[in-house]
Every structure is written in C-alpha cells, then in structure tokens.
Amino acid sequence: MLGKLKDKFRDKSKYRLFENFFSLLVLQGTNYILPLFTLPYLVRILGPEKFGLIAFAQAFIQYFNILTDYGFNLSATREIAIHRKDKAKVSEIFSSVMLIKFGLLLVSLIILTVIVFGFRKFRQDWELYYLTFGIVVGQVLFPVWFFQGMEQMKYITFFYITAKLIFTISIFVFVHNVTDYIYVPVINSIGFLASGILSIWIVFKDFKVIFKYPGFEQLKYHLKEGWYIFISTVAISLYTISNTFILGLFTNNKIVGYYSAAEKLIKAVQGLLKPVFQAIYPYISNLVSESRERGIKFIQKITLLIGGVTFILSIFIFVFARLIVDIILGNKYVESVPVLEILAFLPFIIGLSNIFGIQTMLTFNYKKAFSNILISTSIINIVLAFILVPYYQHIGISISVLISELFVTISMFLYLHLKGVRILEGKIV
C-alpha cells in the first residue's frame, strides 16, 4: 500500500511525512484501544484508593522523566533532523545526548532516595516508588528524539506497541484483586525497559551510530540548546502532572483516584493528536528553515483542521460525560463526572496551544517567550491549586487546570500576533 502511495508523491519529504503520520496513527490507535480494556478493568479491581495511590506515584516519578528528558525530545530532534545526512554528526549528537541523560538519571535516583526515605508519606510505600522508577530508566534508554529526527517513526510505533502489549496482557494475567496493585508498576517498568534496550540495539545496528565520548564543548552546547525547552517542560509539569501530585498532598488517595480516572479519559482523547504533532514537528522545522512563508501556510491548514476536529470531540465529551464515566469507570466513580465535564474542552484548547507554541514559536525561534509564557502559567496554576484544592478538592484542581490551559493558548496566540505571525490568515506581516 505504502509502495503505491510513494509513487504518487513527487515530493519525497511529503511522502516521508505521510509515512511517519501513518506509523504514528497506528501507534496512537493501539494506545487508544488497549487502555479501553485495561482502564475499566483496573479502576474496578483496584478501586479509587489504590488506583489513586498508583496515579500519585506515577505523577511523582514523572518529574524524573522530565529531568532526564531535559527538553531533548524537541531540541535533539531538531538537531538530528537538520544533520541526519551527516553520519558523524548524528553519532556526535547521539553520544552527547545519551551521556547527559545517563548523568541526569543518576541525579534522579539520588533525589528519589532522599525524598522517599526522608518523608513518611513516601516511606510507607517505598517499594511502589522504586518499582515505578523503572519507567524513567526505560525512557532514558528509548531515544524517541533520535527516531523522530531521522523521521523513522515506524521504530517508535513498534517499540511503544511492544511495551503496551506487554503491559496489557500482563495486567489481566497478574492483577486479580486489590492486593495485586504492586504488580502494576512492575509490569509498566518491564515494558518500557524491554523497548528501551531493543531500541538502543536498533540505533547501533540499523543506523550505524558509533558511540564516541564527546568533548566538554559539545556537552555544553546540547545542554544550552535544551535549556529553554527544559524550563518550559518543567513549567508545563506544574500545571499538568503536578495537579495530581498537589491533590495527593492535600487530600487522600481516593480523591486522587476520582480526578486521575477522569484525567486519563481526557488524556486518551488528547493522545489522538500525538501522532499528528510528532510527525509534523520535524517537517515544519525543515519547512520554516527553508521558507517562513511556506511554513506559516502549512501551520494555518493544520490549525483549521485540528481546531475543528478537537472542538467537536470536546463538545461530545461534555454532553456525554456521565454516560462515559458510567460505561468506562463504573458506579464507584460518580465523583469523576464533574471533573470530566470541566476538563472536556482541554483537547481543543491544548491542541491549539501545541500548534501556537511547539509547532510555531519554537520553529520560529521564539524559545524564550515560549518559556516565559509557560513559567507564568505554572505560577498561576500553583497559586490557584493551593487556593482551590483545600476547599474544592478534585473540582478545584480541575478548574485550576482549565484556567491555566486557557491562559497558555491565548497568551501564545497574542504573542505571535504581535510579532506579525498571523496563523489564522496564513501570513507574516
């Protein structure tokens, strides 16, 4: 099928874009279908309390994923995309990034140990946090940024599907009652570790990458390139994963379970956009470097398409929130209904903010402004969370998230408008 389509594409870059999108569409389809089996099963077997505990642990461990990623999923992707025809340069980039990531992994392990054994809330479930940390090791080993930069998304598709299949099958085999909750992080970590190890082998075998110890200047360069994106990612985490974490600090595992279950439903819908954004980012990076005018025309088309589709999806979630919760989560999660209603428009809002921010501001080199907007948003979210959560618990954190995401999208749009980047008009003035 792809062979016949290739003949129809005169522009090889456009064919590669289609092939990458197709691969990621298969990936996201799998990511979307498999949780439809595991999520309803887990929320019913574990109940809100243990499901909330696992969600809290995952939110906590996610901070270490952010630290070890260090913005490389965007900065290193761009570097690989630009230099992918130069094998020596690709090896240099790969070696530098991986060495930095392993250094950050060691720092993460030390921080984890200090926190887990320094605070009673973490110490009483210390095994859970260390077992969940396996996900971080697997993510460090899995160079998503490399495959994205090379525009070889089929590898990402294969490895992620492998991890998801391991997780899905194992959940039904090993988790049968609430006392089996500890197997969930074990299974999750094994899937990521297996994919990570296999992906490293592919990088060396199929792409002929040679590891060579980079010099100090090279390490410094890559740290500098990823800095603003890293700060932006940290800022994003303060109004995404931090919400679950803050909720867990102020309330209890059951309340976290209500919020996390509804949030996972929203993230499943948002995940439908992931293959599109992953496929178009390296394409837009190259397009903008050749012609900003052609780049903004392409961004305009993507904005109208994604904006329309996500708006319809958001309306559907809002209208049928109660029915969705009843079918997927069950009658123990009635408290998740208002959360889902409040978060219903996030796919639409976040879809636009990704286009305005990552796809446009970063490719047009407005990194500092991008970072500043996200830092400002994180401060707003934290303040709102600390005000609303003690009084309104899961409802309060949902309102905080919605306001924060609206602020991001509107701020990015206005900044681009002031800079003369008129996305909706498809022109630069």
Protein backbone atom coordinates (compact mmCIF):
# COMPACT_ATOMS: atom_id res chain seq x y z
CA MET A 1 0.00 0.00 0.00
CA LEU A 2 2.73 2.46 1.04
CA GLY A 3 4.77 1.47 -2.05
CA LYS A 4 1.93 2.51 -4.38
CA LEU A 5 1.41 5.73 -2.50
CA LYS A 6 5.11 6.51 -2.69
CA ASP A 7 4.91 6.56 -6.50
CA LYS A 8 2.14 9.14 -6.30
CA PHE A 9 4.20 11.51 -4.15
CA ARG A 10 6.64 13.59 -6.17
CA ASP A 11 7.95 15.33 -3.06
CA LYS A 12 9.85 12.73 -1.01
CA SER A 13 9.61 14.86 2.13
CA LYS A 14 5.82 14.84 1.83
CA TYR A 15 5.82 11.07 1.39
CA ARG A 16 8.03 10.73 4.46
CA LEU A 17 5.60 12.96 6.36
CA PHE A 18 2.70 10.74 5.29
CA GLU A 19 4.59 7.55 6.16
CA ASN A 20 5.51 8.92 9.60
CA PHE A 21 1.95 10.05 10.22
CA PHE A 22 0.63 6.63 9.18
CA SER A 23 3.07 4.88 11.55
CA LEU A 24 2.15 7.14 14.43
CA LEU A 25 -1.54 6.78 13.64
CA VAL A 26 -1.17 3.00 14.07
CA LEU A 27 0.69 3.66 17.33
CA GLN A 28 -1.91 6.01 18.70
CA GLY A 29 -4.70 3.73 17.58
CA THR A 30 -3.10 0.99 19.66
CA ASN A 31 -2.55 3.41 22.56
CA TYR A 32 -6.20 4.35 22.34
CA ILE A 33 -7.68 0.85 22.03
CA LEU A 34 -5.61 -1.06 24.62
CA PRO A 35 -6.41 1.29 27.56
CA LEU A 36 -10.10 0.79 26.77
CA PHE A 37 -9.53 -2.75 28.08
CA THR A 38 -7.11 -2.08 30.94
CA LEU A 39 -8.52 1.18 32.39
CA PRO A 40 -12.07 -0.11 33.08
CA TYR A 41 -10.57 -3.32 34.48
CA LEU A 42 -8.02 -1.60 36.75
CA VAL A 43 -10.35 1.06 38.16
CA ARG A 44 -12.85 -1.63 39.13
CA ILE A 45 -10.33 -4.15 40.53
CA LEU A 46 -8.19 -1.64 42.45
CA GLY A 47 -10.92 0.80 43.48
CA PRO A 48 -10.44 4.59 43.79
CA GLU A 49 -7.96 4.37 46.71
CA LYS A 50 -5.30 2.06 45.24
CA PHE A 51 -5.84 3.44 41.75
CA GLY A 52 -5.24 6.90 43.24
CA LEU A 53 -2.06 5.71 45.01
CA ILE A 54 -0.62 4.37 41.74
CA ALA A 55 -1.58 7.61 39.96
CA PHE A 56 0.15 9.64 42.70
CA ALA A 57 3.32 7.53 42.37
CA GLN A 58 3.32 7.93 38.59
CA ALA A 59 2.85 11.70 38.91
CA PHE A 60 5.79 11.86 41.32
CA ILE A 61 8.06 9.72 39.12
CA GLN A 62 7.09 11.79 36.09
CA TYR A 63 9.23 14.63 37.47
CA PHE A 64 12.29 12.45 36.91
CA ASN A 65 11.17 11.72 33.35
CA ILE A 66 11.11 15.48 32.78
CA LEU A 67 14.57 15.91 34.32
CA THR A 68 16.13 13.13 32.22
CA ASP A 69 14.38 14.25 29.02
CA TYR A 70 15.80 17.76 29.56
CA GLY A 71 13.99 19.12 26.50
CA PHE A 72 15.90 16.76 24.19
CA ASN A 73 12.67 15.39 22.71
CA LEU A 74 12.46 18.74 20.90
CA SER A 75 15.98 20.22 20.83
CA ALA A 76 17.79 16.98 19.91
CA THR A 77 15.01 16.04 17.47
CA ARG A 78 15.65 19.31 15.64
CA GLU A 79 19.44 18.74 15.65
CA ILE A 80 19.09 15.21 14.26
CA ALA A 81 16.54 16.39 11.65
CA ILE A 82 18.94 19.06 10.37
CA HIS A 83 22.07 16.85 10.32
CA ARG A 84 20.58 13.42 9.59
CA LYS A 85 22.58 13.02 6.35
CA ASP A 86 25.87 13.52 8.21
CA LYS A 87 26.59 10.19 9.97
CA ALA A 88 29.50 11.54 12.00
CA LYS A 89 27.43 14.47 13.29
CA VAL A 90 24.50 12.18 14.10
CA SER A 91 26.83 9.94 16.16
CA GLU A 92 28.17 13.00 17.96
CA ILE A 93 24.67 14.26 18.81
CA PHE A 94 23.51 10.81 19.93
CA SER A 95 26.57 10.27 22.14
CA SER A 96 26.33 13.70 23.76
CA VAL A 97 22.61 13.47 24.49
CA MET A 98 22.74 9.93 25.86
CA LEU A 99 25.70 10.74 28.14
CA ILE A 100 23.86 13.75 29.57
CA LYS A 101 20.68 11.69 30.04
CA PHE A 102 22.52 8.96 31.98
CA GLY A 103 24.11 11.61 34.19
CA LEU A 104 20.65 13.06 34.89
CA LEU A 105 19.36 9.52 35.59
CA LEU A 106 21.94 9.12 38.36
CA VAL A 107 20.97 12.51 39.83
CA SER A 108 17.31 11.45 39.69
CA LEU A 109 17.99 8.23 41.60
CA ILE A 110 19.78 10.14 44.35
CA ILE A 111 16.92 12.68 44.67
CA LEU A 112 14.35 9.85 44.71
CA THR A 113 16.17 8.10 47.56
CA VAL A 114 16.42 11.28 49.65
CA ILE A 115 12.71 12.06 49.25
CA VAL A 116 11.39 8.52 49.72
CA PHE A 117 13.30 7.87 52.93
CA GLY A 118 13.08 11.47 54.16
CA PHE A 119 9.27 11.75 54.29
CA ARG A 120 6.82 9.36 55.93
CA LYS A 121 4.16 9.72 53.19
CA PHE A 122 6.63 8.27 50.68
CA ARG A 123 8.49 5.92 53.02
CA GLN A 124 5.40 3.82 53.82
CA ASP A 125 5.11 2.83 50.11
CA TRP A 126 8.80 2.96 49.18
CA GLU A 127 8.69 -0.21 47.04
CA LEU A 128 6.00 1.33 44.84
CA TYR A 129 8.13 4.38 44.02
CA TYR A 130 11.28 2.41 43.20
CA LEU A 131 9.36 -0.04 41.01
CA THR A 132 7.69 2.85 39.19
CA PHE A 133 11.14 4.43 38.65
CA GLY A 134 11.86 1.65 36.12
CA ILE A 135 9.78 3.70 33.67
CA VAL A 136 12.39 6.50 33.88
CA VAL A 137 15.23 4.07 33.09
CA GLY A 138 13.28 2.73 30.11
CA GLN A 139 12.55 6.25 28.82
CA VAL A 140 16.24 7.20 29.07
CA LEU A 141 17.19 4.14 27.01
CA PHE A 142 14.49 4.79 24.41
CA PRO A 143 15.75 7.63 22.13
CA VAL A 144 12.41 8.87 20.78
CA TRP A 145 14.15 12.11 19.76
CA PHE A 146 16.56 10.16 17.54
CA PHE A 147 13.86 8.32 15.58
CA GLN A 148 11.78 11.49 15.29
CA GLY A 149 14.75 13.46 13.97
CA MET A 150 15.56 10.73 11.45
CA GLU A 151 11.83 10.74 10.57
CA GLN A 152 11.68 6.98 11.12
CA MET A 153 8.52 6.86 13.21
CA LYS A 154 7.92 3.19 12.40
CA TYR A 155 10.50 2.29 15.07
CA ILE A 156 8.71 4.39 17.70
CA THR A 157 5.48 2.68 16.69
CA PHE A 158 6.94 -0.81 17.01
CA PHE A 159 8.61 -0.25 20.38
CA TYR A 160 5.70 1.55 22.02
CA ILE A 161 3.22 -1.08 20.83
CA THR A 162 5.53 -3.78 22.23
CA ALA A 163 5.57 -2.04 25.64
CA LYS A 164 1.81 -1.54 25.62
CA LEU A 165 1.10 -5.15 24.66
CA ILE A 166 3.36 -6.43 27.45
CA PHE A 167 1.51 -4.18 29.92
CA THR A 168 -2.00 -5.03 28.68
CA ILE A 169 -1.58 -8.81 28.62
CA SER A 170 0.28 -8.89 31.94
CA ILE A 171 -2.38 -6.83 33.73
CA PHE A 172 -5.02 -9.49 33.05
CA VAL A 173 -2.62 -12.31 33.93
CA PHE A 174 -1.24 -10.95 37.23
CA VAL A 175 -3.75 -8.40 38.63
CA HIS A 176 -6.88 -10.10 40.02
CA ASN A 177 -7.64 -8.26 43.27
CA VAL A 178 -6.77 -5.07 45.12
CA THR A 179 -3.71 -6.62 46.83
CA ASP A 180 -2.10 -7.11 43.41
CA TYR A 181 -1.73 -3.34 42.89
CA ILE A 182 2.06 -3.59 43.33
CA TYR A 183 2.29 -5.57 40.06
CA VAL A 184 1.05 -2.58 38.04
CA PRO A 185 4.31 -0.54 38.28
CA VAL A 186 6.40 -3.71 37.82
CA ILE A 187 4.60 -4.58 34.59
CA ASN A 188 4.76 -0.99 33.36
CA SER A 189 8.50 -0.73 34.00
CA ILE A 190 9.31 -4.06 32.33
CA GLY A 191 7.52 -2.94 29.16
CA PHE A 192 9.48 0.33 28.96
CA LEU A 193 12.81 -1.35 29.79
CA ALA A 194 12.35 -4.02 27.11
CA SER A 195 11.51 -1.38 24.49
CA GLY A 196 14.41 0.82 25.56
CA ILE A 197 17.04 -1.93 25.35
CA LEU A 198 15.76 -3.09 21.95
CA SER A 199 15.71 0.46 20.56
CA ILE A 200 19.36 1.09 21.52
CA TRP A 201 20.32 -2.09 19.70
CA ILE A 202 18.47 -0.88 16.58
CA VAL A 203 20.21 2.53 16.70
CA PHE A 204 23.65 0.91 16.60
CA LYS A 205 22.76 -1.93 14.21
CA ASP A 206 20.49 -0.29 11.60
CA PHE A 207 21.61 3.34 11.74
CA LYS A 208 25.33 2.57 12.18
CA VAL A 209 25.65 5.07 15.02
CA ILE A 210 29.02 4.91 16.76
CA PHE A 211 29.29 5.98 20.39
CA LYS A 212 32.20 8.33 20.97
CA TYR A 213 32.94 10.29 24.10
CA PRO A 214 32.02 13.91 23.39
CA GLY A 215 34.09 16.87 24.46
CA PHE A 216 33.06 19.41 27.09
CA GLU A 217 32.06 21.98 24.45
CA GLN A 218 29.70 19.53 22.76
CA LEU A 219 28.02 18.64 26.06
CA LYS A 220 27.74 22.34 26.93
CA TYR A 221 26.17 23.08 23.53
CA HIS A 222 23.46 20.44 23.89
CA LEU A 223 22.72 21.46 27.47
CA LYS A 224 22.32 25.05 26.31
CA GLU A 225 20.11 24.07 23.34
CA GLY A 226 17.75 22.10 25.54
CA TRP A 227 17.67 24.60 28.43
CA TYR A 228 14.70 26.79 27.46
CA ILE A 229 12.68 23.75 26.40
CA PHE A 230 13.59 22.02 29.68
CA ILE A 231 12.45 25.05 31.70
CA SER A 232 9.28 25.16 29.59
CA THR A 233 8.65 21.45 30.23
CA VAL A 234 9.16 21.94 33.96
CA ALA A 235 6.70 24.83 33.80
CA ILE A 236 4.19 22.67 31.89
CA SER A 237 4.52 19.96 34.54
CA LEU A 238 3.50 22.46 37.21
CA TYR A 239 0.05 22.66 35.66
CA THR A 240 -0.23 19.07 34.35
CA ILE A 241 1.33 16.25 36.39
CA SER A 242 1.74 18.49 39.44
CA ASN A 243 -2.02 18.68 39.75
CA THR A 244 -2.26 15.02 40.68
CA PHE A 245 0.73 15.41 42.98
CA ILE A 246 -0.66 18.51 44.76
CA LEU A 247 -4.07 16.87 45.08
CA GLY A 248 -2.40 13.86 46.74
CA LEU A 249 -0.56 16.08 49.21
CA PHE A 250 -3.72 17.95 50.30
CA THR A 251 -6.31 15.18 50.15
CA ASN A 252 -6.22 11.37 50.05
CA ASN A 253 -5.74 8.53 47.56
CA LYS A 254 -9.48 8.16 46.93
CA ILE A 255 -9.87 11.80 45.82
CA VAL A 256 -6.78 11.41 43.64
CA GLY A 257 -8.43 8.33 42.14
CA TYR A 258 -11.55 10.28 41.15
CA TYR A 259 -9.51 13.01 39.47
CA SER A 260 -6.94 10.69 37.84
CA ALA A 261 -9.58 8.41 36.33
CA ALA A 262 -11.31 11.35 34.59
CA GLU A 263 -7.97 12.87 33.60
CA LYS A 264 -6.90 9.61 31.95
CA LEU A 265 -10.03 9.68 29.80
CA ILE A 266 -9.17 13.21 28.64
CA LYS A 267 -5.54 12.26 28.01
CA ALA A 268 -6.69 9.32 25.93
CA VAL A 269 -8.53 11.75 23.66
CA GLN A 270 -5.59 14.17 23.64
CA GLY A 271 -3.40 11.24 22.68
CA LEU A 272 -5.19 11.08 19.34
CA LEU A 273 -3.31 14.29 18.43
CA LYS A 274 0.11 12.97 19.38
CA PRO A 275 0.92 11.22 16.06
CA VAL A 276 -0.01 14.37 14.15
CA PHE A 277 2.23 16.63 16.26
CA GLN A 278 5.13 14.16 16.34
CA ALA A 279 5.03 13.73 12.56
CA ILE A 280 4.71 17.41 11.63
CA TYR A 281 7.28 18.90 14.05
CA PRO A 282 10.44 17.84 12.14
CA TYR A 283 8.63 18.58 8.85
CA ILE A 284 7.69 22.12 9.96
CA SER A 285 11.23 22.65 11.34
CA ASN A 286 12.69 21.95 7.90
CA LEU A 287 9.95 23.89 6.09
CA VAL A 288 10.38 27.03 8.22
CA SER A 289 14.20 26.89 7.86
CA GLU A 290 13.71 26.97 4.06
CA SER A 291 10.79 29.42 3.88
CA ARG A 292 8.89 31.02 6.77
CA GLU A 293 6.05 31.91 4.37
CA ARG A 294 5.55 28.30 3.27
CA GLY A 295 5.82 27.22 6.89
CA ILE A 296 3.05 29.54 8.09
CA LYS A 297 0.76 28.45 5.25
CA PHE A 298 1.16 24.83 6.34
CA ILE A 299 0.60 25.77 10.01
CA GLN A 300 -2.61 27.60 9.04
CA LYS A 301 -4.01 24.45 7.41
CA ILE A 302 -3.10 22.30 10.41
CA THR A 303 -4.69 24.82 12.80
CA LEU A 304 -8.03 24.81 10.99
CA LEU A 305 -8.08 21.01 10.71
CA ILE A 306 -7.06 20.23 14.29
CA GLY A 307 -9.14 23.06 15.75
CA GLY A 308 -12.30 21.81 14.05
CA VAL A 309 -11.86 18.15 14.96
CA THR A 310 -10.92 18.76 18.61
CA PHE A 311 -13.79 21.19 19.14
CA ILE A 312 -16.28 18.52 18.07
CA LEU A 313 -14.58 15.94 20.32
CA SER A 314 -14.70 18.32 23.29
CA ILE A 315 -18.40 19.05 22.79
CA PHE A 316 -19.10 15.29 22.66
CA ILE A 317 -17.22 14.65 25.94
CA PHE A 318 -19.02 17.48 27.74
CA VAL A 319 -22.50 16.39 26.65
CA PHE A 320 -21.99 12.68 27.37
CA ALA A 321 -19.67 12.95 30.43
CA ARG A 322 -21.96 11.00 32.78
CA LEU A 323 -22.55 8.21 30.28
CA ILE A 324 -18.81 7.93 29.54
CA VAL A 325 -17.98 7.62 33.25
CA ASP A 326 -20.71 5.02 33.82
CA ILE A 327 -19.58 2.84 30.93
CA ILE A 328 -15.79 3.08 31.32
CA LEU A 329 -15.18 3.74 35.03
CA GLY A 330 -18.24 2.31 36.75
CA ASN A 331 -20.57 3.44 39.54
CA LYS A 332 -17.77 3.89 42.12
CA TYR A 333 -16.55 6.93 40.16
CA VAL A 334 -19.62 9.18 40.17
CA GLU A 335 -17.38 11.92 41.61
CA SER A 336 -15.37 11.83 38.36
CA VAL A 337 -18.31 13.18 36.30
CA PRO A 338 -17.92 16.89 37.20
CA VAL A 339 -14.16 16.57 36.68
CA LEU A 340 -14.70 15.20 33.18
CA GLU A 341 -17.19 17.99 32.38
CA ILE A 342 -14.72 20.69 33.48
CA LEU A 343 -11.80 19.12 31.56
CA ALA A 344 -13.88 18.32 28.45
CA PHE A 345 -12.56 21.25 26.40
CA LEU A 346 -8.86 20.53 27.05
CA PRO A 347 -8.37 18.57 23.78
CA PHE A 348 -9.46 21.69 21.84
CA ILE A 349 -7.50 24.17 23.98
CA ILE A 350 -4.31 22.09 24.21
CA GLY A 351 -4.46 21.19 20.51
CA LEU A 352 -4.30 24.90 19.65
CA SER A 353 -1.62 25.68 22.24
CA ASN A 354 0.62 22.94 20.80
CA ILE A 355 0.31 24.49 17.33
CA PHE A 356 0.89 28.04 18.61
CA GLY A 357 3.72 27.03 20.95
CA ILE A 358 5.73 24.00 19.87
CA GLN A 359 4.93 23.96 16.16
CA THR A 360 5.17 27.75 15.65
CA MET A 361 7.00 29.58 18.46
CA LEU A 362 9.81 27.00 18.69
CA THR A 363 10.28 26.62 14.93
CA PHE A 364 10.28 30.44 14.57
CA ASN A 365 12.90 30.55 17.35
CA TYR A 366 10.77 32.33 19.97
CA LYS A 367 12.11 29.94 22.62
CA LYS A 368 12.49 32.48 25.41
CA ALA A 369 8.97 33.86 25.01
CA PHE A 370 7.61 30.30 24.86
CA SER A 371 9.39 29.51 28.11
CA ASN A 372 8.24 32.72 29.82
CA ILE A 373 4.59 32.08 28.97
CA LEU A 374 4.74 28.58 30.45
CA ILE A 375 6.56 29.75 33.57
CA SER A 376 3.90 32.44 34.11
CA THR A 377 1.18 29.84 33.63
CA SER A 378 2.76 27.45 36.10
CA ILE A 379 2.81 30.18 38.76
CA ILE A 380 -0.87 30.94 38.09
CA ASN A 381 -1.75 27.25 38.32
CA ILE A 382 0.16 26.64 41.54
CA VAL A 383 -1.46 29.66 43.20
CA LEU A 384 -4.93 28.57 42.05
CA ALA A 385 -4.30 24.97 43.14
CA PHE A 386 -3.22 25.97 46.64
CA ILE A 387 -6.31 28.20 46.94
CA LEU A 388 -8.92 25.87 45.42
CA VAL A 389 -7.81 22.33 46.38
CA PRO A 390 -8.20 22.66 50.20
CA TYR A 391 -11.84 23.75 49.71
CA TYR A 392 -12.99 22.09 46.49
CA GLN A 393 -10.54 19.13 46.19
CA HIS A 394 -10.78 17.40 42.78
CA ILE A 395 -13.20 20.02 41.45
CA GLY A 396 -10.82 22.80 42.47
CA ILE A 397 -7.82 21.27 40.71
CA SER A 398 -9.91 20.75 37.56
CA ILE A 399 -10.87 24.44 37.47
CA SER A 400 -7.23 25.38 38.02
CA VAL A 401 -6.13 23.24 35.04
CA LEU A 402 -8.79 24.68 32.73
CA ILE A 403 -7.91 28.30 33.55
CA SER A 404 -4.19 27.60 33.14
CA GLU A 405 -4.57 25.95 29.74
CA LEU A 406 -6.76 28.82 28.51
CA PHE A 407 -4.11 31.31 29.62
CA VAL A 408 -1.37 29.45 27.72
CA THR A 409 -3.29 29.28 24.45
CA ILE A 410 -4.46 32.90 24.50
CA SER A 411 -1.01 34.22 25.51
CA MET A 412 0.78 32.34 22.71
CA PHE A 413 -1.73 33.47 20.11
CA LEU A 414 -1.43 37.12 21.17
CA TYR A 415 2.39 36.98 21.24
CA LEU A 416 2.55 35.60 17.70
CA HIS A 417 0.04 38.19 16.55
CA LEU A 418 2.20 41.00 17.98
CA LYS A 419 5.24 39.53 16.19
CA GLY A 420 3.34 39.64 12.90
CA VAL A 421 2.82 35.87 12.69
CA ARG A 422 -0.85 35.65 11.69
CA ILE A 423 -1.62 31.94 11.82
CA LEU A 424 -5.32 32.18 11.03
CA GLU A 425 -4.54 34.33 7.97
CA GLY A 426 -1.57 32.18 6.94
CA LYS A 427 0.83 35.09 6.53
CA ILE A 428 3.67 37.03 8.15
CA VAL A 429 3.40 40.83 8.28
